[in-house]
């Protein structure tokens, strides 16, 4: 299993670190996905970048999906914040993670990744 850098983890609260750890294990439990640290944050790849984790204000973690603007879910939990390619799902507690929604986002990201040349 890939490692998240200590530099990234040290700047997180205990709550954020717990969320990051959960998401990291969950995502890497999906076959053919791998993780690298890029831009100082954990990024997850198939053929190309699918998603990455980033700390946000109010003790949360945002799981950002590259090409998330193409998901067309109409769900207010996936927010672009004015970004052209990226849309994110912000999580404030492991207890609040909607596992079905998380899996749907990952499935959509993986499907788009399959189209990558």
PDB file of N, CA and C in Angstrom:
ATOM      1  N   UNK A   1       0.839  -1.172   0.000  1.00  0.00           N
ATOM      2  CA  UNK A   1       0.000   0.000   0.000  1.00  0.00           C
ATOM      3  C   UNK A   1       0.892   1.246   0.000  1.00  0.00           C
ATOM      4  N   UNK A   2       0.541   2.236  -0.803  1.00  0.00           N
ATOM      5  CA  UNK A   2       1.325   3.462  -0.891  1.00  0.00           C
ATOM      6  C   UNK A   2       1.225   4.257   0.395  1.00  0.00           C
ATOM      7  N   UNK A   3       2.199   5.108   0.586  1.00  0.00           N
ATOM      8  CA  UNK A   3       2.323   5.867   1.827  1.00  0.00           C
ATOM      9  C   UNK A   3       1.964   7.332   1.584  1.00  0.00           C
ATOM     10  N   UNK A   4       1.236   7.915   2.506  1.00  0.00           N
ATOM     11  CA  UNK A   4       0.969   9.354   2.474  1.00  0.00           C
ATOM     12  C   UNK A   4       2.099  10.033   3.231  1.00  0.00           C
ATOM     13  N   UNK A   5       2.623  11.110   2.676  1.00  0.00           N
ATOM     14  CA  UNK A   5       3.793  11.742   3.286  1.00  0.00           C
ATOM     15  C   UNK A   5       3.509  12.270   4.680  1.00  0.00           C
ATOM     16  N   UNK A   6       4.510  12.156   5.539  1.00  0.00           N
ATOM     17  CA  UNK A   6       4.404  12.673   6.901  1.00  0.00           C
ATOM     18  C   UNK A   6       4.203  14.185   6.900  1.00  0.00           C
ATOM     19  N   UNK A   7       4.771  14.866   5.925  1.00  0.00           N
ATOM     20  CA  UNK A   7       4.619  16.316   5.828  1.00  0.00           C
ATOM     21  C   UNK A   7       3.153  16.684   5.655  1.00  0.00           C
ATOM     22  N   UNK A   8       2.434  15.938   4.816  1.00  0.00           N
ATOM     23  CA  UNK A   8       1.005  16.188   4.623  1.00  0.00           C
ATOM     24  C   UNK A   8       0.232  15.884   5.900  1.00  0.00           C
ATOM     25  N   UNK A   9       0.474  14.732   6.495  1.00  0.00           N
ATOM     26  CA  UNK A   9      -0.253  14.295   7.687  1.00  0.00           C
ATOM     27  C   UNK A   9      -0.034  15.251   8.857  1.00  0.00           C
ATOM     28  N   UNK A  10       1.202  15.743   9.031  1.00  0.00           N
ATOM     29  CA  UNK A  10       1.524  16.623  10.170  1.00  0.00           C
ATOM     30  C   UNK A  10       0.723  17.917  10.158  1.00  0.00           C
ATOM     31  N   UNK A  11       0.329  18.374   9.002  1.00  0.00           N
ATOM     32  CA  UNK A  11      -0.399  19.650   8.970  1.00  0.00           C
ATOM     33  C   UNK A  11      -1.913  19.478   9.135  1.00  0.00           C
ATOM     34  N   UNK A  12      -2.359  18.243   9.372  1.00  0.00           N
ATOM     35  CA  UNK A  12      -3.783  17.961   9.543  1.00  0.00           C
ATOM     36  C   UNK A  12      -4.163  17.842  11.015  1.00  0.00           C
ATOM     37  N   UNK A  13      -5.415  18.123  11.302  1.00  0.00           N
ATOM     38  CA  UNK A  13      -5.933  17.839  12.639  1.00  0.00           C
ATOM     39  C   UNK A  13      -6.107  16.320  12.761  1.00  0.00           C
ATOM     40  N   UNK A  14      -6.366  15.858  13.977  1.00  0.00           N
ATOM     41  CA  UNK A  14      -6.595  14.426  14.190  1.00  0.00           C
ATOM     42  C   UNK A  14      -7.807  13.945  13.378  1.00  0.00           C
ATOM     43  N   UNK A  15      -8.864  14.746  13.350  1.00  0.00           N
ATOM     44  CA  UNK A  15     -10.065  14.403  12.592  1.00  0.00           C
ATOM     45  C   UNK A  15      -9.760  14.297  11.094  1.00  0.00           C
ATOM     46  N   UNK A  16      -9.049  15.291  10.568  1.00  0.00           N
ATOM     47  CA  UNK A  16      -8.697  15.270   9.149  1.00  0.00           C
ATOM     48  C   UNK A  16      -7.830  14.065   8.816  1.00  0.00           C
ATOM     49  N   UNK A  17      -6.872  13.759   9.682  1.00  0.00           N
ATOM     50  CA  UNK A  17      -5.990  12.612   9.444  1.00  0.00           C
ATOM     51  C   UNK A  17      -6.793  11.310   9.407  1.00  0.00           C
ATOM     52  N   UNK A  18      -7.799  11.201  10.254  1.00  0.00           N
ATOM     53  CA  UNK A  18      -8.653  10.014  10.270  1.00  0.00           C
ATOM     54  C   UNK A  18      -9.419   9.882   8.948  1.00  0.00           C
ATOM     55  N   UNK A  19      -9.942  10.994   8.448  1.00  0.00           N
ATOM     56  CA  UNK A  19     -10.663  10.981   7.174  1.00  0.00           C
ATOM     57  C   UNK A  19      -9.718  10.604   6.043  1.00  0.00           C
ATOM     58  N   UNK A  20      -8.543  11.227   6.009  1.00  0.00           N
ATOM     59  CA  UNK A  20      -7.544  10.938   4.966  1.00  0.00           C
ATOM     60  C   UNK A  20      -7.174   9.462   4.974  1.00  0.00           C
ATOM     61  N   UNK A  21      -6.940   8.922   6.151  1.00  0.00           N
ATOM     62  CA  UNK A  21      -6.570   7.511   6.258  1.00  0.00           C
ATOM     63  C   UNK A  21      -7.693   6.607   5.742  1.00  0.00           C
ATOM     64  N   UNK A  22      -8.933   6.906   6.145  1.00  0.00           N
ATOM     65  CA  UNK A  22     -10.059   6.102   5.670  1.00  0.00           C
ATOM     66  C   UNK A  22     -10.152   6.145   4.144  1.00  0.00           C
ATOM     67  N   UNK A  23     -10.133   7.360   3.581  1.00  0.00           N
ATOM     68  CA  UNK A  23     -10.258   7.496   2.126  1.00  0.00           C
ATOM     69  C   UNK A  23      -9.105   6.814   1.399  1.00  0.00           C
ATOM     70  N   UNK A  24      -7.917   6.962   1.938  1.00  0.00           N
ATOM     71  CA  UNK A  24      -6.729   6.341   1.342  1.00  0.00           C
ATOM     72  C   UNK A  24      -6.891   4.828   1.251  1.00  0.00           C
ATOM     73  N   UNK A  25      -7.262   4.204   2.358  1.00  0.00           N
ATOM     74  CA  UNK A  25      -7.443   2.747   2.378  1.00  0.00           C
ATOM     75  C   UNK A  25      -8.590   2.329   1.461  1.00  0.00           C
ATOM     76  N   UNK A  26      -9.668   3.085   1.486  1.00  0.00           N
ATOM     77  CA  UNK A  26     -10.843   2.771   0.665  1.00  0.00           C
ATOM     78  C   UNK A  26     -10.489   2.826  -0.825  1.00  0.00           C
ATOM     79  N   UNK A  27      -9.854   3.915  -1.227  1.00  0.00           N
ATOM     80  CA  UNK A  27      -9.526   4.095  -2.650  1.00  0.00           C
ATOM     81  C   UNK A  27      -8.523   3.047  -3.119  1.00  0.00           C
ATOM     82  N   UNK A  28      -7.499   2.783  -2.308  1.00  0.00           N
ATOM     83  CA  UNK A  28      -6.494   1.804  -2.737  1.00  0.00           C
ATOM     84  C   UNK A  28      -7.008   0.370  -2.641  1.00  0.00           C
ATOM     85  N   UNK A  29      -8.185   0.173  -2.082  1.00  0.00           N
ATOM     86  CA  UNK A  29      -8.833  -1.139  -2.096  1.00  0.00           C
ATOM     87  C   UNK A  29      -9.489  -1.436  -3.434  1.00  0.00           C
ATOM     88  N   UNK A  30      -9.530  -0.437  -4.309  1.00  0.00           N
ATOM     89  CA  UNK A  30     -10.101  -0.603  -5.646  1.00  0.00           C
ATOM     90  C   UNK A  30      -8.982  -1.086  -6.575  1.00  0.00           C
ATOM     91  N   UNK A  31      -9.202  -2.190  -7.282  1.00  0.00           N
ATOM     92  CA  UNK A  31      -8.148  -2.721  -8.167  1.00  0.00           C
ATOM     93  C   UNK A  31      -7.677  -1.691  -9.207  1.00  0.00           C
ATOM     94  N   UNK A  32      -6.401  -1.740  -9.478  1.00  0.00           N
ATOM     95  CA  UNK A  32      -5.746  -0.947 -10.527  1.00  0.00           C
ATOM     96  C   UNK A  32      -5.629   0.545 -10.226  1.00  0.00           C
ATOM     97  N   UNK A  33      -5.870   0.954  -8.978  1.00  0.00           N
ATOM     98  CA  UNK A  33      -5.622   2.344  -8.617  1.00  0.00           C
ATOM     99  C   UNK A  33      -4.345   2.416  -7.801  1.00  0.00           C
ATOM    100  N   UNK A  34      -3.611   3.511  -7.981  1.00  0.00           N
ATOM    101  CA  UNK A  34      -2.362   3.697  -7.244  1.00  0.00           C
ATOM    102  C   UNK A  34      -2.317   5.134  -6.731  1.00  0.00           C
ATOM    103  N   UNK A  35      -1.438   5.365  -5.786  1.00  0.00           N
ATOM    104  CA  UNK A  35      -1.330   6.681  -5.164  1.00  0.00           C
ATOM    105  C   UNK A  35       0.089   7.203  -5.279  1.00  0.00           C
ATOM    106  N   UNK A  36       0.196   8.511  -5.528  1.00  0.00           N
ATOM    107  CA  UNK A  36       1.459   9.238  -5.478  1.00  0.00           C
ATOM    108  C   UNK A  36       1.198  10.563  -4.788  1.00  0.00           C
ATOM    109  N   UNK A  37       2.222  11.111  -4.177  1.00  0.00           N
ATOM    110  CA  UNK A  37       2.126  12.452  -3.620  1.00  0.00           C
ATOM    111  C   UNK A  37       2.516  13.442  -4.708  1.00  0.00           C
ATOM    112  N   UNK A  38       1.581  14.295  -5.103  1.00  0.00           N
ATOM    113  CA  UNK A  38       1.846  15.370  -6.059  1.00  0.00           C
ATOM    114  C   UNK A  38       1.278  16.652  -5.487  1.00  0.00           C
ATOM    115  N   UNK A  39       1.961  17.769  -5.717  1.00  0.00           N
ATOM    116  CA  UNK A  39       1.544  19.073  -5.200  1.00  0.00           C
ATOM    117  C   UNK A  39       1.401  19.039  -3.683  1.00  0.00           C
ATOM    118  N   UNK A  40       2.070  18.091  -3.023  1.00  0.00           N
ATOM    119  CA  UNK A  40       2.026  17.981  -1.575  1.00  0.00           C
ATOM    120  C   UNK A  40       0.776  17.308  -1.033  1.00  0.00           C
ATOM    121  N   UNK A  41      -0.039  16.700  -1.911  1.00  0.00           N
ATOM    122  CA  UNK A  41      -1.272  16.029  -1.481  1.00  0.00           C
ATOM    123  C   UNK A  41      -1.337  14.631  -2.089  1.00  0.00           C
ATOM    124  N   UNK A  42      -2.075  13.711  -1.441  1.00  0.00           N
ATOM    125  CA  UNK A  42      -2.218  12.366  -1.999  1.00  0.00           C
ATOM    126  C   UNK A  42      -3.134  12.376  -3.229  1.00  0.00           C
ATOM    127  N   UNK A  43      -2.599  11.863  -4.339  1.00  0.00           N
ATOM    128  CA  UNK A  43      -3.314  11.799  -5.608  1.00  0.00           C
ATOM    129  C   UNK A  43      -3.473  10.340  -6.014  1.00  0.00           C
ATOM    130  N   UNK A  44      -4.604  10.020  -6.613  1.00  0.00           N
ATOM    131  CA  UNK A  44      -4.930   8.633  -6.960  1.00  0.00           C
ATOM    132  C   UNK A  44      -5.133   8.529  -8.465  1.00  0.00           C
ATOM    133  N   UNK A  45      -4.509   7.495  -9.040  1.00  0.00           N
ATOM    134  CA  UNK A  45      -4.434   7.346 -10.492  1.00  0.00           C
ATOM    135  C   UNK A  45      -4.913   5.981 -10.941  1.00  0.00           C
ATOM    136  N   UNK A  46      -5.476   5.954 -12.133  1.00  0.00           N
ATOM    137  CA  UNK A  46      -5.663   4.744 -12.924  1.00  0.00           C
ATOM    138  C   UNK A  46      -4.663   4.908 -14.059  1.00  0.00           C
ATOM    139  N   UNK A  47      -5.158   5.235 -15.255  1.00  0.00           N
ATOM    140  CA  UNK A  47      -4.268   5.616 -16.360  1.00  0.00           C
ATOM    141  C   UNK A  47      -3.778   7.049 -16.168  1.00  0.00           C
ATOM    142  N   UNK A  48      -4.624   7.871 -15.592  1.00  0.00           N
ATOM    143  CA  UNK A  48      -4.330   9.287 -15.352  1.00  0.00           C
ATOM    144  C   UNK A  48      -4.889   9.653 -13.974  1.00  0.00           C
ATOM    145  N   UNK A  49      -4.756  10.909 -13.606  1.00  0.00           N
ATOM    146  CA  UNK A  49      -5.268  11.383 -12.322  1.00  0.00           C
ATOM    147  C   UNK A  49      -6.781  11.228 -12.262  1.00  0.00           C
ATOM    148  N   UNK A  50      -7.270  10.578 -11.209  1.00  0.00           N
ATOM    149  CA  UNK A  50      -8.706  10.429 -10.987  1.00  0.00           C
ATOM    150  C   UNK A  50      -9.164  11.387  -9.893  1.00  0.00           C
ATOM    151  N   UNK A  51      -8.459  11.379  -8.751  1.00  0.00           N
ATOM    152  CA  UNK A  51      -8.877  12.228  -7.639  1.00  0.00           C
ATOM    153  C   UNK A  51      -7.699  12.507  -6.717  1.00  0.00           C
ATOM    154  N   UNK A  52      -7.896  13.475  -5.833  1.00  0.00           N
ATOM    155  CA  UNK A  52      -6.885  13.787  -4.829  1.00  0.00           C
ATOM    156  C   UNK A  52      -7.572  14.333  -3.587  1.00  0.00           C
ATOM    157  N   UNK A  53      -6.871  14.209  -2.458  1.00  0.00           N
ATOM    158  CA  UNK A  53      -7.390  14.702  -1.182  1.00  0.00           C
ATOM    159  C   UNK A  53      -6.706  16.015  -0.827  1.00  0.00           C
ATOM    160  N   UNK A  54      -7.475  16.920  -0.219  1.00  0.00           N
ATOM    161  CA  UNK A  54      -6.905  18.177   0.222  1.00  0.00           C
ATOM    162  C   UNK A  54      -7.634  18.653   1.473  1.00  0.00           C
ATOM    163  N   UNK A  55      -6.899  19.221   2.397  1.00  0.00           N
ATOM    164  CA  UNK A  55      -7.496  19.759   3.621  1.00  0.00           C
ATOM    165  C   UNK A  55      -8.248  21.046   3.303  1.00  0.00           C
ATOM    166  N   UNK A  56      -9.379  21.232   3.973  1.00  0.00           N
ATOM    167  CA  UNK A  56     -10.165  22.458   3.821  1.00  0.00           C
ATOM    168  C   UNK A  56     -10.464  23.025   5.199  1.00  0.00           C
ATOM    169  N   UNK A  57     -10.939  24.258   5.220  1.00  0.00           N
ATOM    170  CA  UNK A  57     -11.287  24.913   6.482  1.00  0.00           C
ATOM    171  C   UNK A  57     -12.380  24.135   7.204  1.00  0.00           C
ATOM    172  N   UNK A  58     -12.538  24.444   8.452  1.00  0.00           N
ATOM    173  CA  UNK A  58     -13.556  23.835   9.314  1.00  0.00           C
ATOM    174  C   UNK A  58     -13.319  22.350   9.530  1.00  0.00           C
ATOM    175  N   UNK A  59     -12.030  21.937   9.493  1.00  0.00           N
ATOM    176  CA  UNK A  59     -11.637  20.585   9.889  1.00  0.00           C
ATOM    177  C   UNK A  59     -12.103  19.496   8.921  1.00  0.00           C
ATOM    178  N   UNK A  60     -12.215  19.835   7.647  1.00  0.00           N
ATOM    179  CA  UNK A  60     -12.664  18.854   6.660  1.00  0.00           C
ATOM    180  C   UNK A  60     -11.582  18.445   5.689  1.00  0.00           C
ATOM    181  N   UNK A  61     -11.934  17.453   4.891  1.00  0.00           N
ATOM    182  CA  UNK A  61     -11.102  16.993   3.779  1.00  0.00           C
ATOM    183  C   UNK A  61     -11.972  16.998   2.537  1.00  0.00           C
ATOM    184  N   UNK A  62     -11.449  17.550   1.464  1.00  0.00           N
ATOM    185  CA  UNK A  62     -12.168  17.541   0.198  1.00  0.00           C
ATOM    186  C   UNK A  62     -11.536  16.497  -0.711  1.00  0.00           C
ATOM    187  N   UNK A  63     -12.354  15.559  -1.170  1.00  0.00           N
ATOM    188  CA  UNK A  63     -11.926  14.585  -2.159  1.00  0.00           C
ATOM    189  C   UNK A  63     -12.298  15.175  -3.512  1.00  0.00           C
ATOM    190  N   UNK A  64     -11.290  15.623  -4.242  1.00  0.00           N
ATOM    191  CA  UNK A  64     -11.480  16.325  -5.509  1.00  0.00           C
ATOM    192  C   UNK A  64     -11.313  15.368  -6.679  1.00  0.00           C
ATOM    193  N   UNK A  65     -12.225  15.477  -7.616  1.00  0.00           N
ATOM    194  CA  UNK A  65     -12.195  14.614  -8.794  1.00  0.00           C
ATOM    195  C   UNK A  65     -11.810  15.425 -10.018  1.00  0.00           C
ATOM    196  N   UNK A  66     -10.673  15.045 -10.602  1.00  0.00           N
ATOM    197  CA  UNK A  66     -10.254  15.633 -11.855  1.00  0.00           C
ATOM    198  C   UNK A  66     -11.280  15.190 -12.896  1.00  0.00           C
ATOM    199  N   UNK A  67     -11.738  16.106 -13.692  1.00  0.00           N
ATOM    200  CA  UNK A  67     -12.821  15.858 -14.657  1.00  0.00           C
ATOM    201  C   UNK A  67     -14.170  15.669 -13.957  1.00  0.00           C
ATOM    202  N   UNK A  68     -14.260  16.058 -12.698  1.00  0.00           N
ATOM    203  CA  UNK A  68     -15.516  15.960 -11.953  1.00  0.00           C
ATOM    204  C   UNK A  68     -16.618  16.820 -12.538  1.00  0.00           C
ATOM    205  N   UNK A  69     -16.236  17.833 -13.315  1.00  0.00           N
ATOM    206  CA  UNK A  69     -17.231  18.680 -13.973  1.00  0.00           C
ATOM    207  C   UNK A  69     -18.070  17.890 -14.983  1.00  0.00           C
ATOM    208  N   UNK A  70     -17.603  16.709 -15.364  1.00  0.00           N
ATOM    209  CA  UNK A  70     -18.316  15.874 -16.335  1.00  0.00           C
ATOM    210  C   UNK A  70     -19.275  14.879 -15.682  1.00  0.00           C
ATOM    211  N   UNK A  71     -19.324  14.826 -14.363  1.00  0.00           N
ATOM    212  CA  UNK A  71     -20.125  13.812 -13.678  1.00  0.00           C
ATOM    213  C   UNK A  71     -21.627  14.003 -13.863  1.00  0.00           C
ATOM    214  N   UNK A  72     -22.098  15.229 -14.006  1.00  0.00           N
ATOM    215  CA  UNK A  72     -23.513  15.526 -14.255  1.00  0.00           C
ATOM    216  C   UNK A  72     -24.455  14.834 -13.277  1.00  0.00           C
ATOM    217  N   UNK A  73     -24.177  14.960 -12.003  1.00  0.00           N
ATOM    218  CA  UNK A  73     -25.001  14.317 -10.985  1.00  0.00           C
ATOM    219  C   UNK A  73     -26.173  15.172 -10.517  1.00  0.00           C
ATOM    220  N   UNK A  74     -25.997  16.474 -10.550  1.00  0.00           N
ATOM    221  CA  UNK A  74     -27.017  17.342  -9.991  1.00  0.00           C
ATOM    222  C   UNK A  74     -27.121  17.215  -8.480  1.00  0.00           C
ATOM    223  N   UNK A  75     -26.058  16.782  -7.828  1.00  0.00           N
ATOM    224  CA  UNK A  75     -26.034  16.602  -6.375  1.00  0.00           C
ATOM    225  C   UNK A  75     -25.208  17.730  -5.763  1.00  0.00           C
ATOM    226  N   UNK A  76     -25.805  18.451  -4.832  1.00  0.00           N
ATOM    227  CA  UNK A  76     -25.147  19.622  -4.251  1.00  0.00           C
ATOM    228  C   UNK A  76     -23.915  19.272  -3.417  1.00  0.00           C
ATOM    229  N   UNK A  77     -23.690  17.991  -3.127  1.00  0.00           N
ATOM    230  CA  UNK A  77     -22.505  17.605  -2.361  1.00  0.00           C
ATOM    231  C   UNK A  77     -21.241  17.619  -3.217  1.00  0.00           C
ATOM    232  N   UNK A  78     -21.389  17.599  -4.527  1.00  0.00           N
ATOM    233  CA  UNK A  78     -20.245  17.668  -5.437  1.00  0.00           C
ATOM    234  C   UNK A  78     -20.175  19.100  -5.963  1.00  0.00           C
ATOM    235  N   UNK A  79     -19.123  19.836  -5.577  1.00  0.00           N
ATOM    236  CA  UNK A  79     -19.050  21.268  -5.817  1.00  0.00           C
ATOM    237  C   UNK A  79     -17.789  21.623  -6.594  1.00  0.00           C
ATOM    238  N   UNK A  80     -17.952  22.478  -7.615  1.00  0.00           N
ATOM    239  CA  UNK A  80     -16.790  22.874  -8.421  1.00  0.00           C
ATOM    240  C   UNK A  80     -16.071  24.104  -7.860  1.00  0.00           C
ATOM    241  N   UNK A  81     -16.753  24.938  -7.096  1.00  0.00           N
ATOM    242  CA  UNK A  81     -16.171  26.158  -6.520  1.00  0.00           C
ATOM    243  C   UNK A  81     -15.501  27.017  -7.588  1.00  0.00           C
ATOM    244  N   UNK A  82     -16.076  27.063  -8.777  1.00  0.00           N
ATOM    245  CA  UNK A  82     -15.543  27.874  -9.860  1.00  0.00           C
ATOM    246  C   UNK A  82     -14.390  27.248 -10.619  1.00  0.00           C
ATOM    247  N   UNK A  83     -13.992  26.043 -10.240  1.00  0.00           N
ATOM    248  CA  UNK A  83     -12.908  25.368 -10.956  1.00  0.00           C
ATOM    249  C   UNK A  83     -13.454  24.802 -12.268  1.00  0.00           C
ATOM    250  N   UNK A  84     -12.641  24.800 -13.295  1.00  0.00           N
ATOM    251  CA  UNK A  84     -13.113  24.378 -14.617  1.00  0.00           C
ATOM    252  C   UNK A  84     -13.164  22.873 -14.789  1.00  0.00           C
ATOM    253  N   UNK A  85     -12.254  22.127 -14.196  1.00  0.00           N
ATOM    254  CA  UNK A  85     -12.183  20.683 -14.395  1.00  0.00           C
ATOM    255  C   UNK A  85     -12.519  19.881 -13.149  1.00  0.00           C
ATOM    256  N   UNK A  86     -12.265  20.449 -11.997  1.00  0.00           N
ATOM    257  CA  UNK A  86     -12.318  19.710 -10.736  1.00  0.00           C
ATOM    258  C   UNK A  86     -13.630  19.985  -9.998  1.00  0.00           C
ATOM    259  N   UNK A  87     -14.189  18.929  -9.411  1.00  0.00           N
ATOM    260  CA  UNK A  87     -15.319  19.065  -8.487  1.00  0.00           C
ATOM    261  C   UNK A  87     -15.009  18.223  -7.254  1.00  0.00           C
ATOM    262  N   UNK A  88     -15.404  18.695  -6.091  1.00  0.00           N
ATOM    263  CA  UNK A  88     -15.027  18.015  -4.860  1.00  0.00           C
ATOM    264  C   UNK A  88     -16.198  17.689  -3.948  1.00  0.00           C
ATOM    265  N   UNK A  89     -15.974  16.648  -3.163  1.00  0.00           N
ATOM    266  CA  UNK A  89     -16.908  16.185  -2.129  1.00  0.00           C
ATOM    267  C   UNK A  89     -16.210  16.424  -0.792  1.00  0.00           C
ATOM    268  N   UNK A  90     -16.752  17.333   0.015  1.00  0.00           N
ATOM    269  CA  UNK A  90     -16.125  17.673   1.292  1.00  0.00           C
ATOM    270  C   UNK A  90     -16.711  16.827   2.411  1.00  0.00           C
ATOM    271  N   UNK A  91     -15.802  16.290   3.220  1.00  0.00           N
ATOM    272  CA  UNK A  91     -16.161  15.385   4.322  1.00  0.00           C
ATOM    273  C   UNK A  91     -15.624  15.990   5.619  1.00  0.00           C
ATOM    274  N   UNK A  92     -16.486  16.062   6.637  1.00  0.00           N
ATOM    275  CA  UNK A  92     -16.092  16.639   7.915  1.00  0.00           C
ATOM    276  C   UNK A  92     -15.942  15.607   9.015  1.00  0.00           C
ATOM    277  N   UNK A  93     -16.344  14.364   8.764  1.00  0.00           N
ATOM    278  CA  UNK A  93     -16.235  13.306   9.758  1.00  0.00           C
ATOM    279  C   UNK A  93     -16.368  11.960   9.053  1.00  0.00           C
ATOM    280  N   UNK A  94     -15.637  10.974   9.503  1.00  0.00           N
ATOM    281  CA  UNK A  94     -15.782   9.632   8.924  1.00  0.00           C
ATOM    282  C   UNK A  94     -17.206   9.118   9.094  1.00  0.00           C
ATOM    283  N   UNK A  95     -17.854   9.522  10.180  1.00  0.00           N
ATOM    284  CA  UNK A  95     -19.228   9.085  10.427  1.00  0.00           C
ATOM    285  C   UNK A  95     -20.207   9.657   9.405  1.00  0.00           C
ATOM    286  N   UNK A  96     -19.847  10.781   8.793  1.00  0.00           N
ATOM    287  CA  UNK A  96     -20.744  11.444   7.844  1.00  0.00           C
ATOM    288  C   UNK A  96     -20.540  11.009   6.400  1.00  0.00           C
ATOM    289  N   UNK A  97     -19.598  10.119   6.145  1.00  0.00           N
ATOM    290  CA  UNK A  97     -19.337   9.698   4.762  1.00  0.00           C
ATOM    291  C   UNK A  97     -20.517   8.887   4.249  1.00  0.00           C
ATOM    292  N   UNK A  98     -21.041   9.321   3.117  1.00  0.00           N
ATOM    293  CA  UNK A  98     -22.088   8.568   2.425  1.00  0.00           C
ATOM    294  C   UNK A  98     -21.357   7.580   1.523  1.00  0.00           C
ATOM    295  N   UNK A  99     -21.274   6.337   1.950  1.00  0.00           N
ATOM    296  CA  UNK A  99     -20.479   5.331   1.236  1.00  0.00           C
ATOM    297  C   UNK A  99     -20.999   5.065  -0.173  1.00  0.00           C
ATOM    298  N   UNK A 100     -22.305   5.094  -0.355  1.00  0.00           N
ATOM    299  CA  UNK A 100     -22.866   4.891  -1.701  1.00  0.00           C
ATOM    300  C   UNK A 100     -22.480   6.038  -2.620  1.00  0.00           C
ATOM    301  N   UNK A 101     -22.556   7.271  -2.098  1.00  0.00           N
ATOM    302  CA  UNK A 101     -22.187   8.436  -2.896  1.00  0.00           C
ATOM    303  C   UNK A 101     -20.700   8.419  -3.213  1.00  0.00           C
ATOM    304  N   UNK A 102     -19.879   8.089  -2.219  1.00  0.00           N
ATOM    305  CA  UNK A 102     -18.441   7.990  -2.428  1.00  0.00           C
ATOM    306  C   UNK A 102     -18.128   6.967  -3.514  1.00  0.00           C
ATOM    307  N   UNK A 103     -18.749   5.808  -3.441  1.00  0.00           N
ATOM    308  CA  UNK A 103     -18.500   4.773  -4.450  1.00  0.00           C
ATOM    309  C   UNK A 103     -18.969   5.224  -5.830  1.00  0.00           C
ATOM    310  N   UNK A 104     -20.110   5.917  -5.889  1.00  0.00           N
ATOM    311  CA  UNK A 104     -20.598   6.442  -7.166  1.00  0.00           C
ATOM    312  C   UNK A 104     -19.584   7.408  -7.775  1.00  0.00           C
ATOM    313  N   UNK A 105     -19.050   8.318  -6.966  1.00  0.00           N
ATOM    314  CA  UNK A 105     -18.049   9.275  -7.461  1.00  0.00           C
ATOM    315  C   UNK A 105     -16.814   8.549  -7.974  1.00  0.00           C
ATOM    316  N   UNK A 106     -16.345   7.575  -7.224  1.00  0.00           N
ATOM    317  CA  UNK A 106     -15.160   6.827  -7.655  1.00  0.00           C
ATOM    318  C   UNK A 106     -15.450   6.041  -8.934  1.00  0.00           C
ATOM    319  N   UNK A 107     -16.622   5.426  -9.018  1.00  0.00           N
ATOM    320  CA  UNK A 107     -16.993   4.693 -10.232  1.00  0.00           C
ATOM    321  C   UNK A 107     -17.015   5.611 -11.447  1.00  0.00           C
ATOM    322  N   UNK A 108     -17.581   6.810 -11.288  1.00  0.00           N
ATOM    323  CA  UNK A 108     -17.618   7.765 -12.398  1.00  0.00           C
ATOM    324  C   UNK A 108     -16.215   8.205 -12.787  1.00  0.00           C
ATOM    325  N   UNK A 109     -15.382   8.467 -11.796  1.00  0.00           N
ATOM    326  CA  UNK A 109     -13.996   8.853 -12.078  1.00  0.00           C
ATOM    327  C   UNK A 109     -13.237   7.754 -12.792  1.00  0.00           C
ATOM    328  N   UNK A 110     -13.449   6.516 -12.393  1.00  0.00           N
ATOM    329  CA  UNK A 110     -12.771   5.377 -13.018  1.00  0.00           C
ATOM    330  C   UNK A 110     -13.276   5.187 -14.449  1.00  0.00           C
ATOM    331  N   UNK A 111     -14.576   5.360 -14.665  1.00  0.00           N
ATOM    332  CA  UNK A 111     -15.127   5.243 -16.032  1.00  0.00           C
ATOM    333  C   UNK A 111     -14.510   6.284 -16.959  1.00  0.00           C
ATOM    334  N   UNK A 112     -14.408   7.518 -16.504  1.00  0.00           N
ATOM    335  CA  UNK A 112     -13.774   8.561 -17.318  1.00  0.00           C
ATOM    336  C   UNK A 112     -12.306   8.253 -17.558  1.00  0.00           C
ATOM    337  N   UNK A 113     -11.655   7.684 -16.560  1.00  0.00           N
ATOM    338  CA  UNK A 113     -10.242   7.324 -16.694  1.00  0.00           C
ATOM    339  C   UNK A 113     -10.032   6.252 -17.772  1.00  0.00           C
ATOM    340  N   UNK A 114     -10.982   5.356 -17.912  1.00  0.00           N
ATOM    341  CA  UNK A 114     -10.876   4.309 -18.936  1.00  0.00           C
ATOM    342  C   UNK A 114     -10.839   4.890 -20.344  1.00  0.00           C
ATOM    343  N   UNK A 115     -11.450   6.062 -20.511  1.00  0.00           N
ATOM    344  CA  UNK A 115     -11.481   6.740 -21.811  1.00  0.00           C
ATOM    345  C   UNK A 115     -10.157   7.445 -22.120  1.00  0.00           C
ATOM    346  N   UNK A 116      -9.318   7.612 -21.092  1.00  0.00           N
ATOM    347  CA  UNK A 116      -8.050   8.326 -21.263  1.00  0.00           C
ATOM    348  C   UNK A 116      -7.102   7.521 -22.147  1.00  0.00           C
ATOM    349  N   UNK A 117      -6.460   8.183 -23.061  1.00  0.00           N
ATOM    350  CA  UNK A 117      -5.539   7.492 -23.976  1.00  0.00           C
ATOM    351  C   UNK A 117      -4.146   7.456 -23.449  1.00  0.00           C
TER     352      UNK A 117
END
